[in-house]
Amino acid sequence: MPLRPEPVSSLPVVVTRPLQQAGAFAGRVQQLGRRAVVFPLLAIGPVDDDSELKATLARLHDFALVVFVSPNAIDAAFAHLQQWPRDVPIGIVGEGSRVALRGHGVDTGNATIYGPQRADKMDSEELFKSLPLEQLRGRRALIVRGQAGREFLSEALQQQGVEVELLTAYRRLAPELDAQNRLQLLDLLDGGADWVITSSEALRNLLHLARLAGGEERVVKLQRQRIVVSHHRIAETAREQGFVQVVLTGSGDERLLAALVPSAP
């Protein structure tokens, strides 16, 4: 008699965000009645030399718009800021960044914040559509990001006559595979899990670690597991990489958590 597949609710939920951001989300997963396992697929580190970061943040009034590409960019910048200048507009690309801004005391009550209007598609393209381009032409915008990133917004703004500066505020690092996390990863791959993935880079790191830990056999096991993703671009990457159970939720923790609610027996 064939074994019945394990109910989704009995599988662990793997929270793959950087360690600094994983704890709060893991706690909310536990509140759903699911077991949360924190397994970061990205590490966030400071820039080697923060002199440029500090100097640029000291002249925020030079810019007609400052875009933060992620919550990590916000946290890295605000580590060097006492207060946000009220007359400098902010651009963000996801709900996580809005939450991060609130954590630093910035919201629509004391700052102009531009963001995507579509809750199901929060990315640079949708942010660009929301920006007051007429007010920005001939002026300067600052994009605060990691050591590299997509160039869409920078190029699109420049095509509209906006001068763009890029500022590296933090570094994204791939996790090392050591004896401890290798055993943890093999246990998840062999026992089954639901994976919450919020960046394509993290997904590629997961595949690399699975291959290092257990070869192609473990990669195949991983590809059969359920992954919950927050953006259509991550979903496309997942399908291209052979994943067969891809759940696309849209941006924001509430949507991710809704996809993890245990189904009725």
C-alpha atoms as a PDB file:
ATOM      1  CA  MET A   1       0.000   0.000   0.000  1.00  0.00           C
ATOM      2  CA  PRO A   2       1.578   3.327  -1.042  1.00  0.00           C
ATOM      3  CA  LEU A   3       2.365   5.860   1.645  1.00  0.00           C
ATOM      4  CA  ARG A   4       0.062   8.862   1.817  1.00  0.00           C
ATOM      5  CA  PRO A   5       1.821  12.220   1.401  1.00  0.00           C
ATOM      6  CA  GLU A   6       2.482  14.029   4.656  1.00  0.00           C
ATOM      7  CA  PRO A   7      -0.090  16.763   5.364  1.00  0.00           C
ATOM      8  CA  VAL A   8       1.249  20.214   4.624  1.00  0.00           C
ATOM      9  CA  SER A   9       0.569  21.458   8.160  1.00  0.00           C
ATOM     10  CA  SER A  10       2.891  18.845   9.693  1.00  0.00           C
ATOM     11  CA  LEU A  11       5.885  20.001   7.648  1.00  0.00           C
ATOM     12  CA  PRO A  12       8.250  22.624   9.019  1.00  0.00           C
ATOM     13  CA  VAL A  13       8.240  26.102   7.493  1.00  0.00           C
ATOM     14  CA  VAL A  14      11.770  27.216   6.620  1.00  0.00           C
ATOM     15  CA  VAL A  15      12.319  30.953   7.088  1.00  0.00           C
ATOM     16  CA  THR A  16      15.219  31.885   4.823  1.00  0.00           C
ATOM     17  CA  ARG A  17      15.544  35.626   5.432  1.00  0.00           C
ATOM     18  CA  PRO A  18      18.772  37.088   6.816  1.00  0.00           C
ATOM     19  CA  LEU A  19      19.110  36.321  10.506  1.00  0.00           C
ATOM     20  CA  GLN A  20      18.373  39.931  11.522  1.00  0.00           C
ATOM     21  CA  GLN A  21      14.902  39.703   9.930  1.00  0.00           C
ATOM     22  CA  ALA A  22      14.024  36.044  10.395  1.00  0.00           C
ATOM     23  CA  GLY A  23      13.010  35.959  14.049  1.00  0.00           C
ATOM     24  CA  ALA A  24       9.866  38.072  13.904  1.00  0.00           C
ATOM     25  CA  PHE A  25       8.488  36.225  10.875  1.00  0.00           C
ATOM     26  CA  ALA A  26       9.338  32.844  12.416  1.00  0.00           C
ATOM     27  CA  GLY A  27       7.376  33.857  15.509  1.00  0.00           C
ATOM     28  CA  ARG A  28       4.313  34.618  13.405  1.00  0.00           C
ATOM     29  CA  VAL A  29       4.643  31.267  11.649  1.00  0.00           C
ATOM     30  CA  GLN A  30       4.620  29.576  15.070  1.00  0.00           C
ATOM     31  CA  GLN A  31       1.436  31.477  15.941  1.00  0.00           C
ATOM     32  CA  LEU A  32      -0.232  29.784  12.961  1.00  0.00           C
ATOM     33  CA  GLY A  33       0.459  26.405  14.533  1.00  0.00           C
ATOM     34  CA  ARG A  34       3.319  25.619  12.145  1.00  0.00           C
ATOM     35  CA  ARG A  35       6.850  24.745  13.224  1.00  0.00           C
ATOM     36  CA  ALA A  36       9.310  27.376  12.022  1.00  0.00           C
ATOM     37  CA  VAL A  37      12.935  26.620  11.181  1.00  0.00           C
ATOM     38  CA  VAL A  38      15.293  29.546  10.624  1.00  0.00           C
ATOM     39  CA  PHE A  39      17.781  28.788   7.834  1.00  0.00           C
ATOM     40  CA  PRO A  40      19.145  32.047   6.405  1.00  0.00           C
ATOM     41  CA  LEU A  41      20.061  31.965   2.722  1.00  0.00           C
ATOM     42  CA  LEU A  42      21.581  35.438   2.745  1.00  0.00           C
ATOM     43  CA  ALA A  43      23.787  37.174   5.258  1.00  0.00           C
ATOM     44  CA  ILE A  44      23.868  40.964   5.494  1.00  0.00           C
ATOM     45  CA  GLY A  45      27.180  42.602   6.217  1.00  0.00           C
ATOM     46  CA  PRO A  46      28.438  46.180   6.445  1.00  0.00           C
ATOM     47  CA  VAL A  47      30.402  47.799   3.656  1.00  0.00           C
ATOM     48  CA  ASP A  48      34.164  47.588   4.071  1.00  0.00           C
ATOM     49  CA  ASP A  49      34.497  51.375   4.143  1.00  0.00           C
ATOM     50  CA  ASP A  50      31.486  53.431   5.242  1.00  0.00           C
ATOM     51  CA  SER A  51      33.002  56.841   4.542  1.00  0.00           C
ATOM     52  CA  GLU A  52      31.114  57.278   1.248  1.00  0.00           C
ATOM     53  CA  LEU A  53      27.902  56.098   2.878  1.00  0.00           C
ATOM     54  CA  LYS A  54      28.200  58.634   5.690  1.00  0.00           C
ATOM     55  CA  ALA A  55      29.224  61.471   3.370  1.00  0.00           C
ATOM     56  CA  THR A  56      26.306  60.872   0.991  1.00  0.00           C
ATOM     57  CA  LEU A  57      23.743  60.603   3.788  1.00  0.00           C
ATOM     58  CA  ALA A  58      25.028  63.921   5.156  1.00  0.00           C
ATOM     59  CA  ARG A  59      23.829  65.678   1.982  1.00  0.00           C
ATOM     60  CA  LEU A  60      20.349  64.212   1.515  1.00  0.00           C
ATOM     61  CA  HIS A  61      19.015  67.672   0.651  1.00  0.00           C
ATOM     62  CA  ASP A  62      20.895  67.390  -2.659  1.00  0.00           C
ATOM     63  CA  PHE A  63      18.336  64.843  -3.826  1.00  0.00           C
ATOM     64  CA  ALA A  64      14.774  65.195  -5.045  1.00  0.00           C
ATOM     65  CA  LEU A  65      14.162  61.518  -4.268  1.00  0.00           C
ATOM     66  CA  VAL A  66      15.883  58.797  -2.237  1.00  0.00           C
ATOM     67  CA  VAL A  67      14.970  55.210  -3.122  1.00  0.00           C
ATOM     68  CA  PHE A  68      15.601  52.332  -0.725  1.00  0.00           C
ATOM     69  CA  VAL A  69      15.619  49.006  -2.544  1.00  0.00           C
ATOM     70  CA  SER A  70      14.989  46.864   0.566  1.00  0.00           C
ATOM     71  CA  PRO A  71      14.519  46.886   4.337  1.00  0.00           C
ATOM     72  CA  ASN A  72      18.231  46.129   4.623  1.00  0.00           C
ATOM     73  CA  ALA A  73      19.036  49.336   2.749  1.00  0.00           C
ATOM     74  CA  ILE A  74      16.826  51.271   5.149  1.00  0.00           C
ATOM     75  CA  ASP A  75      18.374  49.745   8.260  1.00  0.00           C
ATOM     76  CA  ALA A  76      21.913  50.298   6.957  1.00  0.00           C
ATOM     77  CA  ALA A  77      21.242  53.946   6.135  1.00  0.00           C
ATOM     78  CA  PHE A  78      19.350  54.802   9.316  1.00  0.00           C
ATOM     79  CA  ALA A  79      22.230  53.445  11.381  1.00  0.00           C
ATOM     80  CA  HIS A  80      23.926  56.716  10.381  1.00  0.00           C
ATOM     81  CA  LEU A  81      20.906  59.038  10.569  1.00  0.00           C
ATOM     82  CA  GLN A  82      19.326  60.713  13.560  1.00  0.00           C
ATOM     83  CA  GLN A  83      16.282  61.996  11.713  1.00  0.00           C
ATOM     84  CA  TRP A  84      14.902  61.887   8.190  1.00  0.00           C
ATOM     85  CA  PRO A  85      14.598  65.311   6.494  1.00  0.00           C
ATOM     86  CA  ARG A  86      10.875  65.836   6.040  1.00  0.00           C
ATOM     87  CA  ASP A  87      11.217  67.547   2.648  1.00  0.00           C
ATOM     88  CA  VAL A  88      13.154  64.702   0.963  1.00  0.00           C
ATOM     89  CA  PRO A  89      10.742  62.191  -0.640  1.00  0.00           C
ATOM     90  CA  ILE A  90      11.364  58.455  -0.280  1.00  0.00           C
ATOM     91  CA  GLY A  91      10.763  55.642  -2.765  1.00  0.00           C
ATOM     92  CA  ILE A  92      10.280  52.011  -1.696  1.00  0.00           C
ATOM     93  CA  VAL A  93       9.523  48.802  -3.578  1.00  0.00           C
ATOM     94  CA  GLY A  94       7.791  46.595  -0.995  1.00  0.00           C
ATOM     95  CA  GLU A  95       5.682  46.473   2.132  1.00  0.00           C
ATOM     96  CA  GLY A  96       8.647  45.219   4.126  1.00  0.00           C
ATOM     97  CA  SER A  97      10.368  48.533   3.447  1.00  0.00           C
ATOM     98  CA  ARG A  98       7.322  50.451   4.665  1.00  0.00           C
ATOM     99  CA  VAL A  99       7.458  48.472   7.907  1.00  0.00           C
ATOM    100  CA  ALA A 100      11.196  49.115   8.214  1.00  0.00           C
ATOM    101  CA  LEU A 101      10.650  52.854   7.791  1.00  0.00           C
ATOM    102  CA  ARG A 102       8.020  52.830  10.531  1.00  0.00           C
ATOM    103  CA  GLY A 103      10.530  51.077  12.742  1.00  0.00           C
ATOM    104  CA  HIS A 104      12.751  54.146  12.330  1.00  0.00           C
ATOM    105  CA  GLY A 105       9.914  56.576  12.990  1.00  0.00           C
ATOM    106  CA  VAL A 106       9.176  57.473   9.353  1.00  0.00           C
ATOM    107  CA  ASP A 107       5.720  57.195   7.809  1.00  0.00           C
ATOM    108  CA  THR A 108       3.342  59.199   5.625  1.00  0.00           C
ATOM    109  CA  GLY A 109       2.714  61.547   8.520  1.00  0.00           C
ATOM    110  CA  ASN A 110       6.229  62.956   8.428  1.00  0.00           C
ATOM    111  CA  ALA A 111       7.533  62.061   4.959  1.00  0.00           C
ATOM    112  CA  THR A 112       6.413  61.733   1.354  1.00  0.00           C
ATOM    113  CA  ILE A 113       6.663  58.048   0.477  1.00  0.00           C
ATOM    114  CA  TYR A 114       6.205  56.678  -3.039  1.00  0.00           C
ATOM    115  CA  GLY A 115       5.618  52.992  -3.614  1.00  0.00           C
ATOM    116  CA  PRO A 116       3.971  50.556  -6.011  1.00  0.00           C
ATOM    117  CA  GLN A 117       0.205  50.886  -6.244  1.00  0.00           C
ATOM    118  CA  ARG A 118      -0.409  47.230  -7.067  1.00  0.00           C
ATOM    119  CA  ALA A 119      -0.264  44.974  -4.019  1.00  0.00           C
ATOM    120  CA  ASP A 120       0.273  41.914  -6.223  1.00  0.00           C
ATOM    121  CA  LYS A 121       3.295  43.315  -8.077  1.00  0.00           C
ATOM    122  CA  MET A 122       5.657  45.310  -5.929  1.00  0.00           C
ATOM    123  CA  ASP A 123       8.888  45.980  -7.788  1.00  0.00           C
ATOM    124  CA  SER A 124      10.955  48.717  -9.402  1.00  0.00           C
ATOM    125  CA  GLU A 125       8.721  48.856 -12.466  1.00  0.00           C
ATOM    126  CA  GLU A 126       5.643  49.575 -10.375  1.00  0.00           C
ATOM    127  CA  LEU A 127       7.504  52.101  -8.220  1.00  0.00           C
ATOM    128  CA  PHE A 128       8.606  53.921 -11.365  1.00  0.00           C
ATOM    129  CA  LYS A 129       4.974  54.255 -12.472  1.00  0.00           C
ATOM    130  CA  SER A 130       4.102  55.981  -9.182  1.00  0.00           C
ATOM    131  CA  LEU A 131       6.860  58.617  -9.300  1.00  0.00           C
ATOM    132  CA  PRO A 132       6.204  62.310 -10.167  1.00  0.00           C
ATOM    133  CA  LEU A 133       8.571  62.353 -13.147  1.00  0.00           C
ATOM    134  CA  GLU A 134       7.792  65.962 -14.080  1.00  0.00           C
ATOM    135  CA  GLN A 135       9.062  67.072 -10.674  1.00  0.00           C
ATOM    136  CA  LEU A 136      12.171  64.922 -10.926  1.00  0.00           C
ATOM    137  CA  ARG A 137      13.426  65.866 -14.393  1.00  0.00           C
ATOM    138  CA  GLY A 138      16.635  67.857 -14.265  1.00  0.00           C
ATOM    139  CA  ARG A 139      17.184  66.948 -10.619  1.00  0.00           C
ATOM    140  CA  ARG A 140      19.037  64.205  -8.749  1.00  0.00           C
ATOM    141  CA  ALA A 141      17.851  60.912  -7.248  1.00  0.00           C
ATOM    142  CA  LEU A 142      19.735  58.595  -4.919  1.00  0.00           C
ATOM    143  CA  ILE A 143      19.277  54.813  -4.959  1.00  0.00           C
ATOM    144  CA  VAL A 144      20.425  53.093  -1.757  1.00  0.00           C
ATOM    145  CA  ARG A 145      21.127  49.394  -2.229  1.00  0.00           C
ATOM    146  CA  GLY A 146      23.475  46.468  -1.671  1.00  0.00           C
ATOM    147  CA  GLN A 147      26.737  46.005  -3.521  1.00  0.00           C
ATOM    148  CA  ALA A 148      24.862  45.255  -6.758  1.00  0.00           C
ATOM    149  CA  GLY A 149      21.301  45.126  -7.963  1.00  0.00           C
ATOM    150  CA  ARG A 150      18.903  45.484 -10.840  1.00  0.00           C
ATOM    151  CA  GLU A 151      19.551  48.515 -13.011  1.00  0.00           C
ATOM    152  CA  PHE A 152      15.994  49.027 -14.265  1.00  0.00           C
ATOM    153  CA  LEU A 153      15.076  51.968 -12.046  1.00  0.00           C
ATOM    154  CA  SER A 154      18.390  53.749 -12.505  1.00  0.00           C
ATOM    155  CA  GLU A 155      18.215  53.455 -16.286  1.00  0.00           C
ATOM    156  CA  ALA A 156      14.522  54.382 -16.450  1.00  0.00           C
ATOM    157  CA  LEU A 157      15.056  57.534 -14.386  1.00  0.00           C
ATOM    158  CA  GLN A 158      18.048  58.587 -16.456  1.00  0.00           C
ATOM    159  CA  GLN A 159      16.009  58.179 -19.631  1.00  0.00           C
ATOM    160  CA  GLN A 160      13.554  60.663 -18.111  1.00  0.00           C
ATOM    161  CA  GLY A 161      16.279  63.244 -17.520  1.00  0.00           C
ATOM    162  CA  VAL A 162      16.930  62.436 -13.861  1.00  0.00           C
ATOM    163  CA  GLU A 163      20.525  62.291 -12.661  1.00  0.00           C
ATOM    164  CA  VAL A 164      21.020  59.152 -10.575  1.00  0.00           C
ATOM    165  CA  GLU A 165      23.570  58.326  -7.884  1.00  0.00           C
ATOM    166  CA  LEU A 166      23.959  54.767  -6.581  1.00  0.00           C
ATOM    167  CA  LEU A 167      24.970  54.250  -2.963  1.00  0.00           C
ATOM    168  CA  THR A 168      26.134  50.918  -1.553  1.00  0.00           C
ATOM    169  CA  ALA A 169      24.896  50.668   2.029  1.00  0.00           C
ATOM    170  CA  TYR A 170      25.431  46.979   2.794  1.00  0.00           C
ATOM    171  CA  ARG A 171      26.748  43.735   1.375  1.00  0.00           C
ATOM    172  CA  ARG A 172      24.790  40.562   0.635  1.00  0.00           C
ATOM    173  CA  LEU A 173      26.790  37.428   1.384  1.00  0.00           C
ATOM    174  CA  ALA A 174      26.057  33.800   0.570  1.00  0.00           C
ATOM    175  CA  PRO A 175      26.046  31.548   3.646  1.00  0.00           C
ATOM    176  CA  GLU A 176      28.878  29.083   4.145  1.00  0.00           C
ATOM    177  CA  LEU A 177      28.067  25.378   4.386  1.00  0.00           C
ATOM    178  CA  ASP A 178      29.483  24.047   7.645  1.00  0.00           C
ATOM    179  CA  ALA A 179      28.983  20.778   9.496  1.00  0.00           C
ATOM    180  CA  GLN A 180      26.041  22.068  11.518  1.00  0.00           C
ATOM    181  CA  ASN A 181      23.941  23.653   8.787  1.00  0.00           C
ATOM    182  CA  ARG A 182      24.777  20.804   6.396  1.00  0.00           C
ATOM    183  CA  LEU A 183      23.097  18.332   8.745  1.00  0.00           C
ATOM    184  CA  GLN A 184      20.166  20.704   9.218  1.00  0.00           C
ATOM    185  CA  LEU A 185      19.769  21.134   5.464  1.00  0.00           C
ATOM    186  CA  LEU A 186      19.939  17.406   4.772  1.00  0.00           C
ATOM    187  CA  ASP A 187      17.276  16.814   7.423  1.00  0.00           C
ATOM    188  CA  LEU A 188      14.977  19.350   5.729  1.00  0.00           C
ATOM    189  CA  LEU A 189      15.621  17.950   2.265  1.00  0.00           C
ATOM    190  CA  ASP A 190      15.021  14.350   3.333  1.00  0.00           C
ATOM    191  CA  GLY A 191      12.075  15.020   5.654  1.00  0.00           C
ATOM    192  CA  GLY A 192      10.277  17.630   3.567  1.00  0.00           C
ATOM    193  CA  ALA A 193       9.505  21.275   4.254  1.00  0.00           C
ATOM    194  CA  ASP A 194       7.759  24.387   3.030  1.00  0.00           C
ATOM    195  CA  TRP A 195      10.294  27.075   2.085  1.00  0.00           C
ATOM    196  CA  VAL A 196       9.568  30.808   2.265  1.00  0.00           C
ATOM    197  CA  ILE A 197      11.762  32.516  -0.336  1.00  0.00           C
ATOM    198  CA  THR A 198      11.786  36.292  -0.748  1.00  0.00           C
ATOM    199  CA  SER A 199      14.608  36.806  -3.251  1.00  0.00           C
ATOM    200  CA  SER A 200      15.894  35.069  -6.369  1.00  0.00           C
ATOM    201  CA  GLU A 201      19.414  35.319  -5.003  1.00  0.00           C
ATOM    202  CA  ALA A 202      18.374  33.368  -1.906  1.00  0.00           C
ATOM    203  CA  LEU A 203      16.798  30.701  -4.117  1.00  0.00           C
ATOM    204  CA  ARG A 204      19.992  30.281  -6.115  1.00  0.00           C
ATOM    205  CA  ASN A 205      21.961  30.029  -2.866  1.00  0.00           C
ATOM    206  CA  LEU A 206      19.601  27.304  -1.657  1.00  0.00           C
ATOM    207  CA  LEU A 207      20.141  25.226  -4.783  1.00  0.00           C
ATOM    208  CA  HIS A 208      23.901  25.652  -4.478  1.00  0.00           C
ATOM    209  CA  LEU A 209      23.888  24.571  -0.828  1.00  0.00           C
ATOM    210  CA  ALA A 210      21.657  21.578  -1.558  1.00  0.00           C
ATOM    211  CA  ARG A 211      24.040  20.466  -4.293  1.00  0.00           C
ATOM    212  CA  LEU A 212      27.060  20.871  -2.019  1.00  0.00           C
ATOM    213  CA  ALA A 213      25.371  19.065   0.862  1.00  0.00           C
ATOM    214  CA  GLY A 214      23.954  16.079  -0.977  1.00  0.00           C
ATOM    215  CA  GLY A 215      24.513  16.173  -4.716  1.00  0.00           C
ATOM    216  CA  GLU A 216      21.878  16.005  -7.428  1.00  0.00           C
ATOM    217  CA  GLU A 217      19.740  13.529  -5.488  1.00  0.00           C
ATOM    218  CA  ARG A 218      19.066  16.154  -2.801  1.00  0.00           C
ATOM    219  CA  VAL A 219      18.495  18.863  -5.419  1.00  0.00           C
ATOM    220  CA  VAL A 220      15.733  16.727  -6.930  1.00  0.00           C
ATOM    221  CA  LYS A 221      14.155  16.288  -3.491  1.00  0.00           C
ATOM    222  CA  LEU A 222      14.272  20.050  -2.998  1.00  0.00           C
ATOM    223  CA  GLN A 223      12.672  20.733  -6.368  1.00  0.00           C
ATOM    224  CA  ARG A 224       9.678  18.626  -5.323  1.00  0.00           C
ATOM    225  CA  GLN A 225       9.088  20.562  -2.120  1.00  0.00           C
ATOM    226  CA  ARG A 226       6.704  23.490  -1.795  1.00  0.00           C
ATOM    227  CA  ILE A 227       8.154  26.983  -1.972  1.00  0.00           C
ATOM    228  CA  VAL A 228       6.202  30.115  -1.125  1.00  0.00           C
ATOM    229  CA  VAL A 229       7.471  33.217  -2.902  1.00  0.00           C
ATOM    230  CA  SER A 230       6.585  36.896  -2.715  1.00  0.00           C
ATOM    231  CA  HIS A 231       7.255  38.072  -6.265  1.00  0.00           C
ATOM    232  CA  HIS A 232       6.540  36.899  -9.798  1.00  0.00           C
ATOM    233  CA  ARG A 233      10.219  37.187 -10.729  1.00  0.00           C
ATOM    234  CA  ILE A 234      11.163  34.716  -7.972  1.00  0.00           C
ATOM    235  CA  ALA A 235       8.390  32.392  -9.148  1.00  0.00           C
ATOM    236  CA  GLU A 236       9.743  32.507 -12.704  1.00  0.00           C
ATOM    237  CA  THR A 237      13.249  31.732 -11.451  1.00  0.00           C
ATOM    238  CA  ALA A 238      11.918  28.828  -9.371  1.00  0.00           C
ATOM    239  CA  ARG A 239      10.100  27.259 -12.310  1.00  0.00           C
ATOM    240  CA  GLU A 240      13.148  27.731 -14.529  1.00  0.00           C
ATOM    241  CA  GLN A 241      15.181  25.895 -11.878  1.00  0.00           C
ATOM    242  CA  GLY A 242      12.831  22.911 -11.878  1.00  0.00           C
ATOM    243  CA  PHE A 243      10.588  23.576  -8.884  1.00  0.00           C
ATOM    244  CA  VAL A 244       7.115  22.117  -9.340  1.00  0.00           C
ATOM    245  CA  GLN A 245       5.222  23.448  -6.283  1.00  0.00           C
ATOM    246  CA  VAL A 246       5.556  27.225  -6.466  1.00  0.00           C
ATOM    247  CA  VAL A 247       3.053  29.373  -4.546  1.00  0.00           C
ATOM    248  CA  LEU A 248       3.111  33.064  -5.521  1.00  0.00           C
ATOM    249  CA  THR A 249       1.569  35.261  -2.832  1.00  0.00           C
ATOM    250  CA  GLY A 250       2.497  38.861  -3.652  1.00  0.00           C
ATOM    251  CA  SER A 251       4.405  41.266  -1.425  1.00  0.00           C
ATOM    252  CA  GLY A 252       3.951  41.549   2.321  1.00  0.00           C
ATOM    253  CA  ASP A 253       4.152  39.212   5.291  1.00  0.00           C
ATOM    254  CA  GLU A 254       0.379  38.895   5.587  1.00  0.00           C
ATOM    255  CA  ARG A 255       0.128  37.292   2.152  1.00  0.00           C
ATOM    256  CA  LEU A 256       3.042  34.955   2.847  1.00  0.00           C
ATOM    257  CA  LEU A 257       1.511  33.897   6.148  1.00  0.00           C
ATOM    258  CA  ALA A 258      -1.904  33.317   4.569  1.00  0.00           C
ATOM    259  CA  ALA A 259      -0.326  30.745   2.261  1.00  0.00           C
ATOM    260  CA  LEU A 260       1.052  28.903   5.295  1.00  0.00           C
ATOM    261  CA  VAL A 261      -2.200  28.549   7.247  1.00  0.00           C
ATOM    262  CA  PRO A 262      -2.720  24.836   7.988  1.00  0.00           C
ATOM    263  CA  SER A 263      -5.417  23.334   5.836  1.00  0.00           C
ATOM    264  CA  ALA A 264      -8.335  21.603   7.498  1.00  0.00           C
ATOM    265  CA  PRO A 265      -7.912  17.841   7.949  1.00  0.00           C
END
